[in-house]
Each structure stands twice: as structure tokens, then as C-alpha cells.
């Protein structure tokens, strides 16, 4: 993203008496940027004139790698696109290649994908809301969030052997079936989670100081959210009732009943930082409902469709869409008939969120910029691929 030359990064400019304007680098190594991202910020005292995302510090050529390795060999690389919600990165890629091949995952595999994905969504949202509270100045909620996330990590480790970069999905299904008794462990955790969310709301969501720090800050109107192409909780936080799981159904999601939380301006204005925070808290409750339904309806059968040992899809193109923790994650794959993709492109929610930061930064306080960035739930690997 180009940065205007007028933003001198190092020079303090004095224009009028009492007016001091300075350009500072908010990042790339800063705990509140949630990764290696820089925000070139022009301030006058504590008031921000402009803050422009300066990305590129974490670029690893992941899309190009997808054109250099065979189709199945790229699955572990998808984990690195969003390491906090890797199940969705796996599933989106698998969905795109399955469409190229003209195969469909078995019903049991679709259900298992939904279970693993929704547990991953809860895990991701705990990191999101926990770090957001810490960024605002509340240290205790993050320790609570990490404790709950570790319980999910234990379950996912038992399922696939990994706690962060899962490499669990396969083209045509999933790698492993559910372990014996694993579903009961999940249900016990969900029973705890459903009651714990109420405790979380008492601890931080409706905390008076926390509410005053976030209400009416970083307001993204419905029109702005749509025009900037926001996705997921950032879009729904502005009152836009859109979720790919329901509106462009895939996998097993048509079989489940769940609500789509949206921002309502409950404590401030629709689309403010608090709305985006609360949407994620509510989504954890809805994910719990989905997992319960999936375990109750889990069909018998295979977990892997029959696919050739060497994958050579016919020449063509396909798209795989999933509702990731940060909204729509889209894979666009082009085949030339060989064992490798001719072109692979990934669209992520974090990258789209970068575009609106400059718009929101005009005239806000430096401390509020931290709240805005945290509320967008940006993860650096999704921005720089």
C-alpha cells in the first residue's frame, strides 16, 4: 500500500505557535498491532490527523507457493494464512480444489468440518476479545480467554494432533475421524462455555469503564462497511445481516439452525468498537449451538471421498468460500490440467479491513486508534500472504 510522501516519518513540523505535528510509526513491532504491521501515523499531540497502514513486512509468497507444489502438498501452507483460525484456511482451499475436481466430501466429513471449524471460531474469538480487552488496559480478561482457548486446543489436539497449524482437512474430506468419546468431551466443554460467557459479560463486556472506552468510537456505518468490502464480524457489527454459512450455504451448514448476531448500537452507535466486540462474544454462543447440533446429527460413513492419487483437474477455474473467523475467506484456483495450480489467489477479511483504518483515523485520539485496530481483529498473516 503506497504511503504519500507528504508523511515525513521523522521530521517534527512546527507550523503555527502551539501547533506541533509529528509522524510516527505505530509498529511494525508493537503489541497493539497484532502482528508485524505498521501504521504511519500523523498526529498533533494526542489527536490523529491520519493513520495509513503500511503492510508488507510479513510477505512470504504463499500464493506463489500454491503454484509451485502439487495440490495436496499445499494444504499445510494454508495454515500459515491465518494461524489463529487455520481450520477455515484448510477448508476454503479444499473446497476450491474439490470443485475443480468435481468431487464432494462425504456427509460425515462435512459435519466434522463444521464441528472443527466452529470450535476454531470460538478459539479465535477468545483471542480476539481477550487481546482487545488487554489493549484497552484490562489485563485479567486475557488470562481468562487463554484458559478457555487452551481447553479447545486440547480437544483439537486430540482430534488432529496439532494445537495451532492443524493441517486437518484433505481434498475430499478430513484426515481423521472423531476419536472415541471425543464428542462427550466437547459437550462437557460447551456446557461450561455457555455458562462462562455470562461470567465473561459480567467481567468485561458490560464493564462500565470498558463500555465507555469503546462506545461511539470507530463508528463504521452500514454503507461504509459495504463500500469498503468488510467481512465477517466487522461487517455484521455495522448492522449488515450477512453470513456465508446461511446466505451462500456450503458443507453441512444448511442442516443447522443458528442466529446471525449483528450490531445494534446497544450501548452507543451501531457500528462502533463495542458492537464489533459484542458480535464476536455472541458468535461464540451460536458456534456452541452449531457444534451441539452437528454432534447430535452426525451421520455414519466415510470421512474421505475417492480422489486420484495424483490430482490433475481438467483445465478450468473454481472458487472456494468459507465464513472464517474474520469473515469471508475466498480461494480462487485456476487449473491448466497439471498437478499444480496455474494460479492461486486468496482473499481474506483482515486485508479488506486494512482499507478502512485511514478513514476511521481522522480526528480520533491515539488511544482510540488502538481500540479501532483491536476491534477489527486483524491478524498479520492474513494481510501479508
Protein backbone atom coordinates (compact mmCIF):
# COMPACT_ATOMS: atom_id res chain seq x y z
CA UNK A 1 0.00 0.00 0.00
CA UNK A 2 1.57 3.26 -1.11
CA UNK A 3 2.30 5.84 1.53
CA UNK A 4 2.15 9.50 0.45
CA UNK A 5 5.50 11.23 0.52
CA UNK A 6 3.93 14.09 2.46
CA UNK A 7 4.01 11.85 5.51
CA UNK A 8 7.58 12.57 6.56
CA UNK A 9 8.31 9.76 9.01
CA UNK A 10 10.91 11.51 11.12
CA UNK A 11 10.55 15.30 10.97
CA UNK A 12 8.72 17.34 13.59
CA UNK A 13 6.95 20.16 11.82
CA UNK A 14 6.05 23.41 13.55
CA UNK A 15 3.50 25.43 11.60
CA UNK A 16 1.89 27.89 13.97
CA UNK A 17 2.60 28.77 17.56
CA UNK A 18 1.46 25.92 19.76
CA UNK A 19 0.87 23.59 16.80
CA UNK A 20 3.18 20.59 16.69
CA UNK A 21 2.66 17.87 14.13
CA UNK A 22 4.72 14.70 14.06
CA UNK A 23 4.74 11.50 12.04
CA UNK A 24 5.38 8.31 14.00
CA UNK A 25 5.50 4.64 13.12
CA UNK A 26 2.86 2.75 15.09
CA UNK A 27 4.60 -0.57 14.52
CA UNK A 28 5.79 -2.73 12.89
CA UNK A 29 6.85 -4.20 16.23
CA UNK A 30 4.11 -3.06 18.58
CA UNK A 31 1.91 -5.30 20.75
CA UNK A 32 -1.28 -3.49 19.75
CA UNK A 33 -0.81 -4.05 16.01
CA UNK A 34 -1.42 -7.80 16.50
CA UNK A 35 1.43 -8.78 14.23
CA UNK A 36 4.10 -7.30 12.01
CA UNK A 37 2.08 -4.39 10.63
CA UNK A 38 2.98 -0.72 10.59
CA UNK A 39 0.65 2.27 10.76
CA UNK A 40 2.27 5.52 9.62
CA UNK A 41 0.50 7.94 11.92
CA UNK A 42 0.40 11.72 11.62
CA UNK A 43 -0.54 13.33 14.93
CA UNK A 44 -0.88 16.71 16.50
CA UNK A 45 -0.37 15.96 20.15
CA UNK A 46 -2.82 13.21 21.08
CA UNK A 47 -5.11 13.88 18.12
CA UNK A 48 -4.51 11.85 14.98
CA UNK A 49 -4.69 13.62 11.66
CA UNK A 50 -4.18 10.49 9.63
CA UNK A 51 -3.02 6.87 10.04
CA UNK A 52 -2.14 4.81 6.97
CA UNK A 53 -1.48 1.05 7.06
CA UNK A 54 1.96 0.20 5.72
CA UNK A 55 1.91 -3.53 5.02
CA UNK A 56 4.42 -5.93 3.50
CA UNK A 57 6.62 -6.86 6.46
CA UNK A 58 5.31 -10.43 6.63
CA UNK A 59 5.00 -11.32 2.95
CA UNK A 60 6.00 -14.96 2.40
CA UNK A 61 4.81 -15.63 -1.14
CA UNK A 62 2.13 -18.08 -0.02
CA UNK A 63 0.03 -17.64 -3.15
CA UNK A 64 3.06 -18.26 -5.38
CA UNK A 65 3.95 -21.36 -3.37
CA UNK A 66 0.48 -22.70 -4.25
CA UNK A 67 1.58 -22.65 -7.88
CA UNK A 68 4.85 -24.48 -7.15
CA UNK A 69 3.69 -27.54 -5.18
CA UNK A 70 1.14 -30.27 -6.07
CA UNK A 71 -2.44 -29.68 -4.93
CA UNK A 72 -2.36 -31.91 -1.79
CA UNK A 73 1.06 -30.55 -0.79
CA UNK A 74 -0.27 -27.03 -0.39
CA UNK A 75 -2.64 -27.87 2.47
CA UNK A 76 -0.04 -27.32 5.27
CA UNK A 77 0.75 -23.89 3.81
CA UNK A 78 -2.87 -22.78 4.20
CA UNK A 79 -2.45 -22.98 7.98
CA UNK A 80 0.00 -20.09 7.72
CA UNK A 81 -2.52 -17.80 6.05
CA UNK A 82 -4.45 -17.49 9.32
CA UNK A 83 -2.75 -19.34 12.14
CA UNK A 84 -5.45 -18.34 14.65
CA UNK A 85 -8.26 -19.91 12.59
CA UNK A 86 -6.42 -22.45 10.47
CA UNK A 87 -9.37 -24.83 10.11
CA UNK A 88 -11.12 -22.34 7.84
CA UNK A 89 -8.00 -21.77 5.77
CA UNK A 90 -7.80 -25.55 5.27
CA UNK A 91 -11.46 -25.88 4.38
CA UNK A 92 -11.58 -22.99 1.90
CA UNK A 93 -8.67 -24.40 -0.09
CA UNK A 94 -10.11 -27.92 -0.01
CA UNK A 95 -13.47 -26.60 -1.25
CA UNK A 96 -11.87 -24.83 -4.22
CA UNK A 97 -9.89 -27.87 -5.36
CA UNK A 98 -12.87 -30.19 -4.83
CA UNK A 99 -14.84 -28.03 -7.25
CA UNK A 100 -12.01 -28.20 -9.77
CA UNK A 101 -12.06 -31.99 -9.48
CA UNK A 102 -15.84 -32.29 -9.42
CA UNK A 103 -15.83 -34.27 -6.15
CA UNK A 104 -17.79 -33.74 -2.94
CA UNK A 105 -16.82 -34.57 0.61
CA UNK A 106 -18.98 -37.28 2.27
CA UNK A 107 -21.72 -36.11 4.66
CA UNK A 108 -19.81 -37.24 7.74
CA UNK A 109 -16.75 -35.29 6.64
CA UNK A 110 -18.88 -32.16 6.14
CA UNK A 111 -20.23 -32.44 9.67
CA UNK A 112 -16.76 -32.98 11.12
CA UNK A 113 -15.53 -29.94 9.21
CA UNK A 114 -18.31 -27.87 10.77
CA UNK A 115 -17.51 -29.14 14.27
CA UNK A 116 -13.79 -28.46 13.92
CA UNK A 117 -14.41 -25.08 12.30
CA UNK A 118 -16.81 -23.80 14.92
CA UNK A 119 -14.52 -24.88 17.76
CA UNK A 120 -11.77 -22.99 15.94
CA UNK A 121 -14.06 -19.93 15.67
CA UNK A 122 -14.63 -19.96 19.44
CA UNK A 123 -10.88 -20.31 20.00
CA UNK A 124 -10.13 -17.40 17.67
CA UNK A 125 -12.78 -15.14 19.19
CA UNK A 126 -11.40 -15.74 22.69
CA UNK A 127 -8.04 -14.45 21.46
CA UNK A 128 -9.77 -11.51 19.74
CA UNK A 129 -11.88 -10.33 22.67
CA UNK A 130 -9.15 -11.13 25.21
CA UNK A 131 -6.43 -9.16 23.45
CA UNK A 132 -8.86 -6.33 22.75
CA UNK A 133 -9.52 -6.02 26.48
CA UNK A 134 -5.78 -6.05 27.15
CA UNK A 135 -5.14 -3.39 24.51
CA UNK A 136 -7.68 -1.15 26.25
CA UNK A 137 -5.93 -1.71 29.58
CA UNK A 138 -7.68 -4.68 31.23
CA UNK A 139 -5.15 -7.46 31.86
CA UNK A 140 -7.28 -10.05 33.63
CA UNK A 141 -9.73 -10.92 30.80
CA UNK A 142 -6.92 -12.15 28.53
CA UNK A 143 -5.83 -14.73 31.09
CA UNK A 144 -9.44 -15.94 31.28
CA UNK A 145 -9.67 -16.10 27.49
CA UNK A 146 -6.42 -18.02 27.16
CA UNK A 147 -7.59 -20.54 29.74
CA UNK A 148 -10.74 -21.27 27.74
CA UNK A 149 -8.80 -21.38 24.49
CA UNK A 150 -6.41 -23.96 25.93
CA UNK A 151 -9.37 -26.24 26.61
CA UNK A 152 -10.30 -26.04 22.92
CA UNK A 153 -6.68 -26.61 21.92
CA UNK A 154 -6.67 -29.79 23.98
CA UNK A 155 -9.75 -31.02 22.11
CA UNK A 156 -8.36 -30.14 18.69
CA UNK A 157 -5.02 -31.72 19.53
CA UNK A 158 -6.82 -34.95 20.36
CA UNK A 159 -8.70 -34.69 17.07
CA UNK A 160 -5.80 -33.99 14.70
CA UNK A 161 -2.55 -33.92 16.65
CA UNK A 162 -1.95 -30.16 16.45
CA UNK A 163 -2.90 -27.12 18.51
CA UNK A 164 -2.33 -24.25 16.07
CA UNK A 165 -1.47 -25.20 12.48
CA UNK A 166 -3.80 -28.15 12.08
CA UNK A 167 -3.34 -29.47 8.52
CA UNK A 168 -6.52 -31.43 9.25
CA UNK A 169 -8.60 -31.07 6.10
CA UNK A 170 -7.97 -33.04 2.97
CA UNK A 171 -9.14 -32.59 -0.59
CA UNK A 172 -12.30 -34.67 -0.46
CA UNK A 173 -12.72 -34.85 3.31
CA UNK A 174 -10.74 -34.81 6.55
CA UNK A 175 -7.64 -36.65 7.75
CA UNK A 176 -9.02 -38.38 10.86
CA UNK A 177 -12.37 -39.46 12.23
CA UNK A 178 -13.56 -38.35 15.67
CA UNK A 179 -11.76 -40.22 18.49
CA UNK A 180 -13.87 -42.49 20.67
CA UNK A 181 -15.53 -40.45 23.42
CA UNK A 182 -14.33 -37.17 21.96
CA UNK A 183 -17.86 -35.88 21.34
CA UNK A 184 -18.73 -36.24 25.02
CA UNK A 185 -15.67 -34.18 25.97
CA UNK A 186 -16.75 -31.48 23.56
CA UNK A 187 -20.24 -31.38 25.02
CA UNK A 188 -18.85 -31.04 28.54
CA UNK A 189 -16.74 -28.11 27.41
CA UNK A 190 -19.73 -26.48 25.70
CA UNK A 191 -21.79 -26.82 28.89
CA UNK A 192 -19.02 -24.93 30.67
CA UNK A 193 -18.70 -22.40 27.84
CA UNK A 194 -22.38 -21.49 27.77
CA UNK A 195 -22.32 -20.59 31.46
CA UNK A 196 -18.90 -18.98 31.28
CA UNK A 197 -19.97 -16.49 28.58
CA UNK A 198 -22.33 -14.99 31.15
CA UNK A 199 -19.39 -14.60 33.53
CA UNK A 200 -17.36 -13.02 30.72
CA UNK A 201 -20.10 -10.47 30.14
CA UNK A 202 -20.05 -9.53 33.82
CA UNK A 203 -16.27 -9.35 33.85
CA UNK A 204 -15.66 -7.20 30.78
CA UNK A 205 -18.42 -6.90 28.13
CA UNK A 206 -20.66 -4.70 30.25
CA UNK A 207 -17.91 -3.31 32.46
CA UNK A 208 -18.64 0.40 32.80
CA UNK A 209 -15.11 1.56 32.01
CA UNK A 210 -14.77 -0.84 29.08
CA UNK A 211 -18.09 0.29 27.61
CA UNK A 212 -17.18 3.97 27.88
CA UNK A 213 -13.84 3.32 26.15
CA UNK A 214 -15.47 1.61 23.16
CA UNK A 215 -18.97 3.04 22.73
CA UNK A 216 -19.24 5.65 19.93
CA UNK A 217 -15.59 5.07 18.94
CA UNK A 218 -14.56 3.99 15.44
CA UNK A 219 -18.08 4.06 14.03
CA UNK A 220 -18.44 2.22 10.72
CA UNK A 221 -21.83 2.85 9.16
CA UNK A 222 -23.65 0.21 7.16
CA UNK A 223 -22.80 1.99 3.92
CA UNK A 224 -19.12 2.32 4.83
CA UNK A 225 -18.86 -1.35 5.74
CA UNK A 226 -20.32 -2.41 2.40
CA UNK A 227 -18.35 0.09 0.33
CA UNK A 228 -15.04 -0.90 1.90
CA UNK A 229 -15.76 -4.60 1.41
CA UNK A 230 -15.63 -5.53 5.08
CA UNK A 231 -16.45 -9.10 6.04
CA UNK A 232 -17.49 -11.21 8.99
CA UNK A 233 -17.94 -9.60 12.43
CA UNK A 234 -16.64 -6.26 11.09
CA UNK A 235 -19.46 -6.22 8.54
CA UNK A 236 -22.13 -7.59 10.87
CA UNK A 237 -21.05 -5.21 13.62
CA UNK A 238 -22.33 -2.41 11.39
CA UNK A 239 -25.79 -3.98 11.28
CA UNK A 240 -25.37 -5.86 7.98
CA UNK A 241 -27.09 -9.23 8.34
CA UNK A 242 -24.85 -11.30 6.07
CA UNK A 243 -23.14 -14.62 6.74
CA UNK A 244 -21.91 -17.03 4.07
CA UNK A 245 -22.87 -20.04 6.18
CA UNK A 246 -26.51 -19.02 5.78
CA UNK A 247 -26.61 -16.83 2.67
CA UNK A 248 -24.28 -18.89 0.44
CA UNK A 249 -24.61 -22.27 2.19
CA UNK A 250 -21.81 -24.80 1.99
CA UNK A 251 -20.84 -28.02 3.73
CA UNK A 252 -23.23 -29.15 6.45
CA UNK A 253 -24.44 -25.68 7.45
CA UNK A 254 -27.83 -25.94 5.69
CA UNK A 255 -28.69 -28.64 8.26
CA UNK A 256 -28.19 -26.37 11.26
CA UNK A 257 -30.26 -23.65 12.90
CA UNK A 258 -28.39 -20.66 14.27
CA UNK A 259 -28.71 -16.91 14.58
CA UNK A 260 -26.53 -14.25 12.96
CA UNK A 261 -25.51 -11.64 15.58
CA UNK A 262 -25.39 -8.06 14.26
CA UNK A 263 -24.54 -4.71 15.79
CA UNK A 264 -27.50 -2.86 17.27
CA UNK A 265 -25.95 0.16 18.98
CA UNK A 266 -26.88 -1.31 22.35
CA UNK A 267 -24.57 0.95 24.37
CA UNK A 268 -23.59 3.50 21.74
CA UNK A 269 -23.93 3.83 17.98
CA UNK A 270 -24.42 0.96 15.52
CA UNK A 271 -21.04 0.00 14.11
CA UNK A 272 -18.84 1.26 16.94
CA UNK A 273 -15.97 -0.67 18.51
CA UNK A 274 -18.18 -2.13 21.23
CA UNK A 275 -20.63 -3.54 18.68
CA UNK A 276 -17.82 -5.36 16.89
CA UNK A 277 -16.61 -6.73 20.21
CA UNK A 278 -20.06 -7.91 21.28
CA UNK A 279 -20.83 -9.57 17.93
CA UNK A 280 -17.83 -11.84 18.49
CA UNK A 281 -18.97 -12.70 22.01
CA UNK A 282 -22.42 -13.61 20.68
CA UNK A 283 -20.93 -15.65 17.84
CA UNK A 284 -19.27 -17.94 20.36
CA UNK A 285 -22.70 -18.80 21.73
CA UNK A 286 -24.00 -19.51 18.22
CA UNK A 287 -20.97 -21.68 17.43
CA UNK A 288 -21.77 -23.71 20.52
CA UNK A 289 -25.28 -24.31 19.16
CA UNK A 290 -23.90 -25.45 15.80
CA UNK A 291 -21.44 -27.91 17.34
CA UNK A 292 -24.16 -29.40 19.54
CA UNK A 293 -26.42 -29.92 16.52
CA UNK A 294 -23.60 -31.40 14.46
CA UNK A 295 -22.71 -33.91 17.16
CA UNK A 296 -26.35 -34.86 17.62
CA UNK A 297 -26.94 -35.37 13.87
CA UNK A 298 -23.51 -36.73 12.94
CA UNK A 299 -24.04 -39.26 10.13
CA UNK A 300 -22.16 -42.53 9.76
CA UNK A 301 -20.00 -43.29 6.75
CA UNK A 302 -16.70 -42.35 5.16
CA UNK A 303 -14.68 -39.27 6.01
CA UNK A 304 -12.88 -39.10 2.67
CA UNK A 305 -14.16 -39.11 -0.92
CA UNK A 306 -12.34 -41.16 -3.52
CA UNK A 307 -9.86 -38.96 -5.33
CA UNK A 308 -6.99 -39.94 -7.65
CA UNK A 309 -3.56 -40.39 -6.08
CA UNK A 310 -2.20 -37.77 -8.46
CA UNK A 311 -4.59 -34.87 -8.77
CA UNK A 312 -4.78 -33.41 -12.25
CA UNK A 313 -8.02 -31.44 -12.56
CA UNK A 314 -9.23 -30.56 -16.03
CA UNK A 315 -8.32 -27.06 -17.16
CA UNK A 316 -10.68 -24.58 -15.57
CA UNK A 317 -11.21 -22.37 -12.55
CA UNK A 318 -13.06 -22.64 -9.27
CA UNK A 319 -13.77 -20.68 -6.12
CA UNK A 320 -14.00 -21.96 -2.56
CA UNK A 321 -15.72 -19.73 0.01
CA UNK A 322 -15.96 -20.20 3.76
CA UNK A 323 -17.11 -17.98 6.61
CA UNK A 324 -13.86 -17.73 8.54
CA UNK A 325 -13.48 -16.15 11.96
CA UNK A 326 -12.65 -12.88 10.19
CA UNK A 327 -15.36 -13.22 7.57
CA UNK A 328 -15.29 -14.43 4.01
CA UNK A 329 -12.14 -16.33 3.08
CA UNK A 330 -12.09 -17.00 -0.64
CA UNK A 331 -9.74 -19.18 -2.65
CA UNK A 332 -9.58 -18.75 -6.41
CA UNK A 333 -7.80 -21.61 -8.18
CA UNK A 334 -7.02 -21.97 -11.88
CA UNK A 335 -6.02 -25.35 -13.34
CA UNK A 336 -4.11 -25.94 -16.57
CA UNK A 337 -4.51 -29.72 -16.32
CA UNK A 338 -1.24 -30.35 -14.47
CA UNK A 339 -0.53 -31.46 -10.88
CA UNK A 340 -0.08 -27.86 -9.74
CA UNK A 341 -2.35 -24.85 -9.79
CA UNK A 342 -1.69 -22.43 -12.63
CA UNK A 343 -2.89 -19.59 -10.41
CA UNK A 344 -3.93 -19.41 -6.78
CA UNK A 345 -5.41 -16.33 -5.14
CA UNK A 346 -6.67 -15.83 -1.59
CA UNK A 347 -8.99 -13.08 -0.36
CA UNK A 348 -9.08 -12.55 3.40
CA UNK A 349 -11.05 -10.45 5.87
CA UNK A 350 -8.01 -8.86 7.54
CA UNK A 351 -6.66 -7.43 4.30
CA UNK A 352 -10.03 -5.89 3.48
CA UNK A 353 -10.19 -4.35 6.97
CA UNK A 354 -6.92 -2.50 6.38
CA UNK A 355 -8.57 -0.23 3.83
CA UNK A 356 -10.88 1.45 6.33
CA UNK A 357 -8.29 2.29 9.00
CA UNK A 358 -7.27 5.57 7.37
CA UNK A 359 -10.91 6.64 7.08
CA UNK A 360 -11.53 5.94 10.77
CA UNK A 361 -8.35 7.58 11.99
CA UNK A 362 -9.18 11.21 11.16
CA UNK A 363 -9.58 13.26 14.35
CA UNK A 364 -9.50 10.41 16.89
CA UNK A 365 -7.19 10.10 19.86
CA UNK A 366 -4.06 7.95 19.74
CA UNK A 367 -5.54 5.65 22.39
CA UNK A 368 -8.67 5.25 20.28
CA UNK A 369 -6.61 4.08 17.29
CA UNK A 370 -5.56 1.11 19.41
CA UNK A 371 -9.22 0.35 20.12
CA UNK A 372 -10.12 0.63 16.43
CA UNK A 373 -7.37 -1.74 15.29
CA UNK A 374 -8.23 -4.23 18.02
CA UNK A 375 -11.94 -4.12 17.14
CA UNK A 376 -11.16 -5.06 13.51
CA UNK A 377 -9.49 -8.30 14.71
CA UNK A 378 -6.66 -8.06 12.22
CA UNK A 379 -4.18 -10.93 12.05
CA UNK A 380 -0.99 -10.08 10.19
CA UNK A 381 -0.54 -13.29 8.11
CA UNK A 382 -3.93 -12.66 6.51
CA UNK A 383 -2.80 -9.20 5.43
CA UNK A 384 0.60 -10.25 4.04
CA UNK A 385 0.50 -13.57 2.28
